[in-house]
């Protein structure tokens, strides 16, 4: 991923990441690339592209969608947007 095309600065990520599941020290599985996943969701929101058009650099679109849907169902996005 090209750093100048990301939407989250390191400072923003440092503030946001503790609010998200899958972090080191959290209960459950530690995610491999939570920041990349959040960047993928932000890219989709910014572009309005369909899930299937997610660039491969963000991972397979269906796995990103499934994770997005799990977070939606658990209310993670509402908690994060309060940030």
N, C-alpha and C. Protein backbone atom coordinates (compact mmCIF):
# COMPACT_ATOMS: atom_id res chain seq x y z
N UNK A 1 0.85 -1.17 0.00
CA UNK A 1 0.00 0.00 0.00
C UNK A 1 0.89 1.23 0.00
N UNK A 2 0.62 2.15 -0.86
CA UNK A 2 1.39 3.38 -0.98
C UNK A 2 1.03 4.30 0.19
N UNK A 3 2.01 4.66 1.00
CA UNK A 3 1.76 5.43 2.22
C UNK A 3 1.07 6.76 1.96
N UNK A 4 1.35 7.40 0.83
CA UNK A 4 0.72 8.70 0.59
C UNK A 4 -0.73 8.58 0.14
N UNK A 5 -1.23 7.37 -0.04
CA UNK A 5 -2.62 7.16 -0.42
C UNK A 5 -3.48 6.65 0.73
N UNK A 6 -2.88 6.50 1.90
CA UNK A 6 -3.65 6.04 3.04
C UNK A 6 -4.47 7.19 3.60
N UNK A 7 -5.45 6.84 4.38
CA UNK A 7 -6.33 7.85 4.94
C UNK A 7 -6.05 8.12 6.41
N UNK A 8 -5.39 7.18 7.07
CA UNK A 8 -5.10 7.33 8.49
C UNK A 8 -3.63 7.69 8.70
N UNK A 9 -3.41 8.77 9.39
CA UNK A 9 -2.03 9.09 9.78
C UNK A 9 -1.63 8.17 10.94
N UNK A 10 -0.35 8.11 11.24
CA UNK A 10 0.10 7.31 12.37
C UNK A 10 -0.52 7.81 13.67
N UNK A 11 -0.67 9.11 13.80
CA UNK A 11 -1.28 9.69 15.01
C UNK A 11 -2.74 9.27 15.12
N UNK A 12 -3.47 9.35 14.01
CA UNK A 12 -4.88 8.93 14.02
C UNK A 12 -5.00 7.45 14.38
N UNK A 13 -4.13 6.61 13.79
CA UNK A 13 -4.18 5.18 14.07
C UNK A 13 -3.87 4.89 15.53
N UNK A 14 -2.92 5.62 16.11
CA UNK A 14 -2.57 5.41 17.52
C UNK A 14 -3.76 5.70 18.43
N UNK A 15 -4.59 6.66 18.06
CA UNK A 15 -5.77 6.99 18.86
C UNK A 15 -6.92 6.01 18.61
N UNK A 16 -7.06 5.57 17.37
CA UNK A 16 -8.19 4.71 17.01
C UNK A 16 -7.97 3.24 17.36
N UNK A 17 -6.80 2.73 17.17
CA UNK A 17 -6.56 1.30 17.28
C UNK A 17 -6.94 0.69 18.64
N UNK A 18 -6.75 1.38 19.76
CA UNK A 18 -7.15 0.75 21.03
C UNK A 18 -8.67 0.52 21.14
N UNK A 19 -9.46 1.19 20.33
CA UNK A 19 -10.91 1.03 20.36
C UNK A 19 -11.40 -0.18 19.57
N UNK A 20 -10.49 -0.80 18.81
CA UNK A 20 -10.87 -1.85 17.88
C UNK A 20 -10.52 -3.24 18.40
N UNK A 21 -11.33 -4.24 18.03
CA UNK A 21 -11.00 -5.61 18.42
C UNK A 21 -9.81 -6.14 17.63
N UNK A 22 -9.24 -7.24 18.11
CA UNK A 22 -8.16 -7.91 17.40
C UNK A 22 -6.79 -7.35 17.66
N UNK A 23 -6.65 -6.55 18.70
CA UNK A 23 -5.35 -5.97 19.04
C UNK A 23 -4.60 -6.88 20.00
N UNK A 24 -3.30 -6.76 20.04
CA UNK A 24 -2.49 -7.53 20.99
C UNK A 24 -2.99 -7.23 22.40
N UNK A 25 -3.17 -8.27 23.18
CA UNK A 25 -3.66 -8.12 24.54
C UNK A 25 -5.18 -8.18 24.65
N UNK A 26 -5.88 -8.16 23.52
CA UNK A 26 -7.34 -8.27 23.53
C UNK A 26 -7.74 -9.72 23.72
N UNK A 27 -8.94 -9.91 24.20
CA UNK A 27 -9.51 -11.26 24.29
C UNK A 27 -9.78 -11.75 22.87
N UNK A 28 -9.47 -13.00 22.59
CA UNK A 28 -9.74 -13.56 21.26
C UNK A 28 -8.51 -13.51 20.37
N UNK A 29 -8.76 -13.58 19.08
CA UNK A 29 -7.69 -13.67 18.09
C UNK A 29 -7.11 -12.29 17.80
N UNK A 30 -5.79 -12.21 17.69
CA UNK A 30 -5.14 -10.97 17.29
C UNK A 30 -5.08 -10.95 15.76
N UNK A 31 -5.64 -9.91 15.18
CA UNK A 31 -5.69 -9.79 13.72
C UNK A 31 -4.33 -9.46 13.16
N UNK A 32 -4.07 -9.94 11.95
CA UNK A 32 -2.77 -9.72 11.32
C UNK A 32 -2.58 -8.28 10.86
N UNK A 33 -3.61 -7.68 10.30
CA UNK A 33 -3.45 -6.33 9.75
C UNK A 33 -4.73 -5.53 9.91
N UNK A 34 -5.01 -5.14 11.12
CA UNK A 34 -6.23 -4.37 11.38
C UNK A 34 -6.18 -3.02 10.69
N UNK A 35 -5.02 -2.38 10.69
CA UNK A 35 -4.92 -1.07 10.04
C UNK A 35 -5.20 -1.18 8.54
N UNK A 36 -4.65 -2.20 7.89
CA UNK A 36 -4.92 -2.41 6.46
C UNK A 36 -6.39 -2.66 6.20
N UNK A 37 -7.03 -3.40 7.09
CA UNK A 37 -8.46 -3.66 6.96
C UNK A 37 -9.26 -2.36 7.07
N UNK A 38 -8.95 -1.55 8.07
CA UNK A 38 -9.66 -0.27 8.24
C UNK A 38 -9.41 0.63 7.04
N UNK A 39 -8.18 0.65 6.53
CA UNK A 39 -7.88 1.43 5.33
C UNK A 39 -8.72 0.95 4.14
N UNK A 40 -8.93 -0.37 4.03
CA UNK A 40 -9.75 -0.92 2.94
C UNK A 40 -11.18 -0.41 3.05
N UNK A 41 -11.72 -0.43 4.25
CA UNK A 41 -13.09 0.04 4.45
C UNK A 41 -13.18 1.54 4.14
N UNK A 42 -12.18 2.29 4.58
CA UNK A 42 -12.18 3.73 4.28
C UNK A 42 -12.05 3.98 2.77
N UNK A 43 -11.25 3.17 2.09
CA UNK A 43 -11.12 3.31 0.64
C UNK A 43 -12.46 3.09 -0.04
N UNK A 44 -13.17 2.06 0.39
CA UNK A 44 -14.49 1.78 -0.19
C UNK A 44 -15.44 2.93 0.07
N UNK A 45 -15.42 3.46 1.28
CA UNK A 45 -16.29 4.59 1.60
C UNK A 45 -15.94 5.83 0.80
N UNK A 46 -14.65 6.06 0.61
CA UNK A 46 -14.20 7.24 -0.13
C UNK A 46 -14.55 7.15 -1.61
N UNK A 47 -14.39 5.96 -2.19
CA UNK A 47 -14.59 5.81 -3.63
C UNK A 47 -16.03 5.46 -4.02
N UNK A 48 -16.76 4.84 -3.08
CA UNK A 48 -18.10 4.38 -3.42
C UNK A 48 -18.10 3.14 -4.30
N UNK A 49 -16.94 2.51 -4.44
CA UNK A 49 -16.81 1.32 -5.29
C UNK A 49 -17.52 0.13 -4.64
N UNK A 50 -17.97 -0.81 -5.46
CA UNK A 50 -18.54 -2.03 -4.90
C UNK A 50 -17.44 -2.89 -4.27
N UNK A 51 -17.84 -3.75 -3.33
CA UNK A 51 -16.89 -4.62 -2.63
C UNK A 51 -15.98 -5.36 -3.60
N UNK A 52 -16.55 -5.89 -4.67
CA UNK A 52 -15.77 -6.70 -5.62
C UNK A 52 -14.67 -5.91 -6.33
N UNK A 53 -14.74 -4.60 -6.29
CA UNK A 53 -13.72 -3.76 -6.93
C UNK A 53 -12.61 -3.32 -5.97
N UNK A 54 -12.61 -3.87 -4.77
CA UNK A 54 -11.56 -3.54 -3.81
C UNK A 54 -10.21 -3.97 -4.40
N UNK A 55 -9.22 -3.07 -4.47
CA UNK A 55 -7.91 -3.45 -5.00
C UNK A 55 -7.30 -4.59 -4.20
N UNK A 56 -6.60 -5.46 -4.89
CA UNK A 56 -6.00 -6.65 -4.28
C UNK A 56 -5.04 -6.30 -3.15
N UNK A 57 -4.44 -5.12 -3.17
CA UNK A 57 -3.49 -4.74 -2.12
C UNK A 57 -4.15 -4.71 -0.74
N UNK A 58 -5.49 -4.60 -0.71
CA UNK A 58 -6.22 -4.59 0.56
C UNK A 58 -6.64 -5.98 1.01
N UNK A 59 -6.41 -6.98 0.19
CA UNK A 59 -6.85 -8.33 0.50
C UNK A 59 -8.04 -8.73 -0.34
N UNK A 60 -8.46 -9.96 -0.20
CA UNK A 60 -9.60 -10.46 -0.98
C UNK A 60 -10.87 -9.75 -0.51
N UNK A 61 -11.64 -9.24 -1.44
CA UNK A 61 -12.81 -8.42 -1.10
C UNK A 61 -13.78 -9.15 -0.19
N UNK A 62 -13.98 -10.46 -0.40
CA UNK A 62 -14.99 -11.16 0.39
C UNK A 62 -14.55 -11.29 1.85
N UNK A 63 -13.27 -11.55 2.09
CA UNK A 63 -12.79 -11.64 3.47
C UNK A 63 -12.89 -10.28 4.16
N UNK A 64 -12.60 -9.21 3.43
CA UNK A 64 -12.75 -7.87 4.00
C UNK A 64 -14.22 -7.61 4.32
N UNK A 65 -15.11 -7.98 3.42
CA UNK A 65 -16.54 -7.78 3.66
C UNK A 65 -17.02 -8.56 4.88
N UNK A 66 -16.60 -9.82 4.99
CA UNK A 66 -17.05 -10.65 6.12
C UNK A 66 -16.61 -10.02 7.44
N UNK A 67 -15.37 -9.56 7.50
CA UNK A 67 -14.89 -8.90 8.72
C UNK A 67 -15.66 -7.61 8.99
N UNK A 68 -15.90 -6.84 7.93
CA UNK A 68 -16.68 -5.62 8.06
C UNK A 68 -18.06 -5.93 8.65
N UNK A 69 -18.71 -6.96 8.11
CA UNK A 69 -20.06 -7.32 8.56
C UNK A 69 -20.04 -7.79 10.02
N UNK A 70 -19.02 -8.54 10.41
CA UNK A 70 -18.91 -8.97 11.82
C UNK A 70 -18.79 -7.76 12.73
N UNK A 71 -17.95 -6.82 12.36
CA UNK A 71 -17.79 -5.62 13.17
C UNK A 71 -19.08 -4.82 13.20
N UNK A 72 -19.78 -4.74 12.07
CA UNK A 72 -21.06 -4.03 12.02
C UNK A 72 -22.04 -4.66 13.00
N UNK A 73 -22.15 -5.98 12.95
CA UNK A 73 -23.10 -6.69 13.80
C UNK A 73 -22.75 -6.58 15.29
N UNK A 74 -21.47 -6.40 15.61
CA UNK A 74 -21.04 -6.26 17.01
C UNK A 74 -21.05 -4.81 17.48
N UNK A 75 -21.35 -3.85 16.59
CA UNK A 75 -21.39 -2.45 16.97
C UNK A 75 -20.03 -1.77 17.03
N UNK A 76 -19.01 -2.41 16.46
CA UNK A 76 -17.65 -1.83 16.50
C UNK A 76 -17.60 -0.50 15.78
N UNK A 77 -18.26 -0.40 14.63
CA UNK A 77 -18.19 0.84 13.85
C UNK A 77 -18.80 2.01 14.61
N UNK A 78 -19.90 1.77 15.33
CA UNK A 78 -20.52 2.86 16.11
C UNK A 78 -19.56 3.35 17.19
N UNK A 79 -18.89 2.40 17.85
CA UNK A 79 -17.93 2.78 18.89
C UNK A 79 -16.78 3.58 18.30
N UNK A 80 -16.28 3.14 17.16
CA UNK A 80 -15.14 3.80 16.51
C UNK A 80 -15.53 5.19 16.00
N UNK A 81 -16.76 5.36 15.51
CA UNK A 81 -17.15 6.66 14.97
C UNK A 81 -17.38 7.67 16.08
N UNK A 82 -17.58 7.20 17.30
CA UNK A 82 -17.69 8.12 18.44
C UNK A 82 -16.34 8.76 18.75
N UNK A 83 -15.28 8.13 18.24
CA UNK A 83 -13.92 8.63 18.41
C UNK A 83 -13.80 9.91 17.67
